[in-house]
Amino acid sequence: MAQTHANKPNPQLPTHEPTREANPQRKPHILRWIAMFFLALIVLVGIAVLVIWLVVRPKRLVYSVEDASIHNFNINNNHLNASFDFVVRSYNPNSKVSIYYDKIESRVEYDDQTLAYNMVEPFFQPHKNVTRLELKLAAQSVPLVGSIPADLRLEKSSGEIELNVWLKARIRFKVGAWKSSHRTLKIFCSPVLVHFSRSKNFERTVCDVEL
């Protein structure tokens, strides 16, 4: 007797939905828009700063040495001891620009050799303002090189000496609520003719200003 077998259903293989591949052009497209956004932002900020600068039209700062004196001047074994006092006039001629002086260095030189160095107290200078800085620099056993000891002795015997005064400052401009980034201000005053005797009048020295 023939045996009949029921047809068994074939096992179905698991079906997988086709995965969608990410659009390779989508990511570069987004990056391009981000780059364009930041570029436009930089351009707008630059234009705003330029407009402010053109409207304000800042004028050059004016510096001069109004007074100077030397005390306790002595050269021993080619080493200098002395105290230098200077009164520097700082004038901000701008009507809309104020200035933050965050860091100020000062030094006095003779024939390219630094004799004394000191820091100046930071300050804020409003617009159309005159500020007088009192610089006090001390030379303590400063070694002198070359012919400088002999030259300084000759200058002292003549009763006067020509010096160079340097100032370097880290400043920021302020216009309304806007403040600029730091910039370096360099001030060079030369020659500053200083008399060893206070009986002689000091001649004002106008300084060069570089910003």
Protein backbone atom coordinates (compact mmCIF):
# COMPACT_ATOMS: atom_id res chain seq x y z
CA MET A 1 0.00 0.00 0.00
CA ALA A 2 1.45 3.23 -1.07
CA GLN A 3 2.04 5.79 1.63
CA THR A 4 1.17 9.35 0.97
CA HIS A 5 3.09 12.15 2.61
CA ALA A 6 1.62 15.55 3.20
CA ASN A 7 3.57 18.29 1.55
CA LYS A 8 5.47 20.14 4.26
CA PRO A 9 5.69 23.84 3.78
CA ASN A 10 9.15 25.03 2.87
CA PRO A 11 10.73 27.03 5.66
CA GLN A 12 10.73 30.69 4.75
CA LEU A 13 13.98 32.51 4.89
CA PRO A 14 13.91 35.70 6.96
CA THR A 15 13.36 38.72 4.84
CA HIS A 16 15.37 41.88 5.30
CA GLU A 17 14.22 45.28 4.27
CA PRO A 18 16.78 47.01 2.15
CA THR A 19 18.72 49.53 4.23
CA ARG A 20 18.69 53.10 3.09
CA GLU A 21 22.12 54.44 2.51
CA ALA A 22 22.81 57.95 3.81
CA ASN A 23 22.86 60.55 1.12
CA PRO A 24 26.56 61.20 0.59
CA GLN A 25 25.79 64.72 -0.60
CA ARG A 26 23.84 65.75 2.51
CA LYS A 27 26.78 66.13 4.92
CA PRO A 28 28.94 68.32 2.64
CA HIS A 29 25.84 70.42 1.97
CA ILE A 30 25.35 71.11 5.71
CA LEU A 31 29.04 71.86 6.22
CA ARG A 32 28.95 74.31 3.34
CA TRP A 33 26.01 76.18 4.90
CA ILE A 34 27.77 76.32 8.29
CA ALA A 35 30.94 77.68 6.67
CA MET A 36 28.92 80.30 4.77
CA PHE A 37 27.15 81.33 7.98
CA PHE A 38 30.39 81.91 9.90
CA LEU A 39 31.95 83.70 6.94
CA ALA A 40 28.96 86.03 6.73
CA LEU A 41 29.14 86.63 10.49
CA ILE A 42 32.84 87.56 10.29
CA VAL A 43 32.15 89.93 7.38
CA LEU A 44 29.28 91.62 9.26
CA VAL A 45 31.40 92.08 12.39
CA GLY A 46 34.22 93.52 10.30
CA ILE A 47 31.85 95.94 8.58
CA ALA A 48 30.41 97.02 11.94
CA VAL A 49 33.89 97.71 13.35
CA LEU A 50 34.85 99.63 10.20
CA VAL A 51 31.70 101.76 10.36
CA ILE A 52 32.31 102.56 14.03
CA TRP A 53 35.93 103.45 13.25
CA LEU A 54 34.96 105.73 10.35
CA VAL A 55 32.24 107.47 12.36
CA VAL A 56 34.47 108.01 15.38
CA ARG A 57 37.60 108.92 13.35
CA PRO A 58 40.10 108.55 16.23
CA LYS A 59 42.87 111.12 16.45
CA ARG A 60 46.49 110.42 17.31
CA LEU A 61 47.31 110.46 21.03
CA VAL A 62 49.66 113.23 22.16
CA TYR A 63 52.51 112.66 24.61
CA SER A 64 55.21 114.97 25.94
CA VAL A 65 57.74 115.10 28.78
CA GLU A 66 56.92 118.16 30.90
CA ASP A 67 59.56 117.88 33.61
CA ALA A 68 62.57 115.75 34.54
CA SER A 69 65.15 115.54 37.30
CA ILE A 70 68.04 113.34 38.48
CA HIS A 71 68.95 112.59 42.09
CA ASN A 72 71.77 110.72 43.85
CA PHE A 73 73.75 110.30 40.64
CA ASN A 74 76.89 108.27 41.28
CA ILE A 75 79.22 106.07 39.21
CA ASN A 76 81.44 103.65 41.12
CA ASN A 77 83.52 100.91 39.46
CA ASN A 78 81.57 101.44 36.23
CA HIS A 79 78.25 100.83 38.02
CA LEU A 80 75.54 103.49 38.11
CA ASN A 81 73.28 104.47 40.99
CA ALA A 82 70.73 107.20 40.32
CA SER A 83 67.08 108.18 40.60
CA PHE A 84 65.24 109.53 37.54
CA ASP A 85 61.94 111.40 37.81
CA PHE A 86 59.84 112.34 34.79
CA VAL A 87 56.45 113.98 34.39
CA VAL A 88 54.79 112.77 31.18
CA ARG A 89 51.69 114.48 29.83
CA SER A 90 49.18 112.20 28.10
CA TYR A 91 46.46 113.91 26.05
CA ASN A 92 43.51 112.10 24.48
CA PRO A 93 42.12 114.55 21.87
CA ASN A 94 39.22 112.30 20.83
CA SER A 95 35.68 113.41 21.62
CA LYS A 96 34.13 109.91 21.57
CA VAL A 97 36.99 107.51 22.31
CA SER A 98 38.15 106.60 25.81
CA ILE A 99 41.20 104.45 26.54
CA TYR A 100 42.02 101.68 28.98
CA TYR A 101 45.74 101.52 29.81
CA ASP A 102 45.94 97.97 31.16
CA LYS A 103 49.73 97.58 31.31
CA ILE A 104 52.44 100.24 31.02
CA GLU A 105 56.21 99.77 30.97
CA SER A 106 58.69 102.64 31.21
CA ARG A 107 62.44 102.83 30.82
CA VAL A 108 65.17 105.43 30.50
CA GLU A 109 68.14 104.98 28.18
CA TYR A 110 71.46 106.60 27.50
CA ASP A 111 73.19 105.85 24.19
CA ASP A 112 71.07 102.69 23.66
CA GLN A 113 71.82 101.31 27.13
CA THR A 114 68.94 100.92 29.55
CA LEU A 115 69.72 102.69 32.82
CA ALA A 116 66.45 102.10 34.69
CA TYR A 117 63.10 100.35 34.24
CA ASN A 118 59.77 100.46 36.04
CA MET A 119 56.06 99.74 35.65
CA VAL A 120 53.40 102.46 35.64
CA GLU A 121 50.07 102.11 37.41
CA PRO A 122 47.25 101.20 34.96
CA PHE A 123 44.59 103.87 34.43
CA PHE A 124 41.50 104.80 32.42
CA GLN A 125 41.58 107.94 30.29
CA PRO A 126 38.25 109.52 29.28
CA HIS A 127 37.81 111.41 26.03
CA LYS A 128 39.21 114.95 25.79
CA ASN A 129 41.30 114.27 28.88
CA VAL A 130 44.80 115.21 30.04
CA THR A 131 46.52 112.79 32.43
CA ARG A 132 49.94 113.40 33.95
CA LEU A 133 52.08 110.37 34.67
CA GLU A 134 54.81 110.62 37.28
CA LEU A 135 57.55 108.18 36.34
CA LYS A 136 60.04 107.21 39.02
CA LEU A 137 62.88 105.00 37.84
CA ALA A 138 65.85 103.90 39.92
CA ALA A 139 69.23 102.64 38.71
CA GLN A 140 70.76 100.37 41.33
CA SER A 141 74.32 99.22 40.62
CA VAL A 142 73.62 99.05 36.88
CA PRO A 143 76.77 97.85 35.04
CA LEU A 144 77.85 100.29 32.34
CA VAL A 145 79.52 99.09 29.16
CA GLY A 146 82.07 100.51 26.74
CA SER A 147 82.67 104.24 26.90
CA ILE A 148 79.38 104.98 28.68
CA PRO A 149 80.91 105.45 32.18
CA ALA A 150 83.35 108.07 30.87
CA ASP A 151 80.64 109.74 28.75
CA LEU A 152 78.26 109.97 31.70
CA ARG A 153 80.96 111.55 33.86
CA LEU A 154 81.59 114.15 31.17
CA GLU A 155 77.87 114.89 30.87
CA LYS A 156 77.56 115.29 34.63
CA SER A 157 80.48 117.71 34.69
CA SER A 158 78.72 119.75 31.98
CA GLY A 159 75.64 120.01 34.19
CA GLU A 160 73.16 118.32 31.85
CA ILE A 161 72.52 114.99 30.16
CA GLU A 162 70.51 113.84 27.14
CA LEU A 163 68.33 110.80 27.81
CA ASN A 164 65.74 108.74 25.94
CA VAL A 165 62.44 107.87 27.61
CA TRP A 166 60.41 104.90 26.38
CA LEU A 167 56.86 103.88 27.22
CA LYS A 168 55.08 100.76 25.99
CA ALA A 169 51.45 100.14 26.88
CA ARG A 170 48.75 97.56 26.27
CA ILE A 171 45.61 99.58 25.59
CA ARG A 172 41.96 99.13 24.62
CA PHE A 173 39.66 101.69 23.02
CA LYS A 174 36.14 102.28 24.33
CA VAL A 175 33.36 103.84 22.26
CA GLY A 176 30.02 103.77 24.05
CA ALA A 177 29.51 100.16 25.15
CA TRP A 178 31.94 98.78 22.55
CA LYS A 179 35.51 97.90 23.57
CA SER A 180 38.29 96.98 21.19
CA SER A 181 40.80 94.18 21.57
CA HIS A 182 44.24 94.93 22.99
CA ARG A 183 46.69 96.98 20.96
CA THR A 184 50.29 97.97 21.66
CA LEU A 185 51.10 101.66 22.08
CA LYS A 186 54.76 102.72 21.83
CA ILE A 187 55.96 106.16 22.94
CA PHE A 188 59.49 107.44 22.32
CA CYS A 189 60.68 110.74 23.81
CA SER A 190 64.09 111.96 22.67
CA PRO A 191 66.21 113.82 23.39
CA VAL A 192 65.12 114.62 26.94
CA LEU A 193 67.63 117.18 28.20
CA VAL A 194 67.85 116.86 31.99
CA HIS A 195 69.72 119.39 34.14
CA PHE A 196 71.52 118.21 37.24
CA SER A 197 70.74 121.57 38.82
CA ARG A 198 67.08 122.40 39.44
CA SER A 199 67.84 126.10 39.01
CA LYS A 200 67.64 125.69 35.22
CA ASN A 201 64.27 125.46 33.52
CA PHE A 202 63.32 122.22 31.82
CA GLU A 203 62.50 122.33 28.11
CA ARG A 204 59.42 120.35 27.12
CA THR A 205 60.05 117.34 24.85
CA VAL A 206 57.39 116.16 22.38
CA CYS A 207 57.24 112.37 21.97
CA ASP A 208 56.71 110.17 18.94
CA VAL A 209 53.68 107.88 19.20
CA GLU A 210 53.30 104.59 17.35
CA LEU A 211 50.15 102.47 17.45
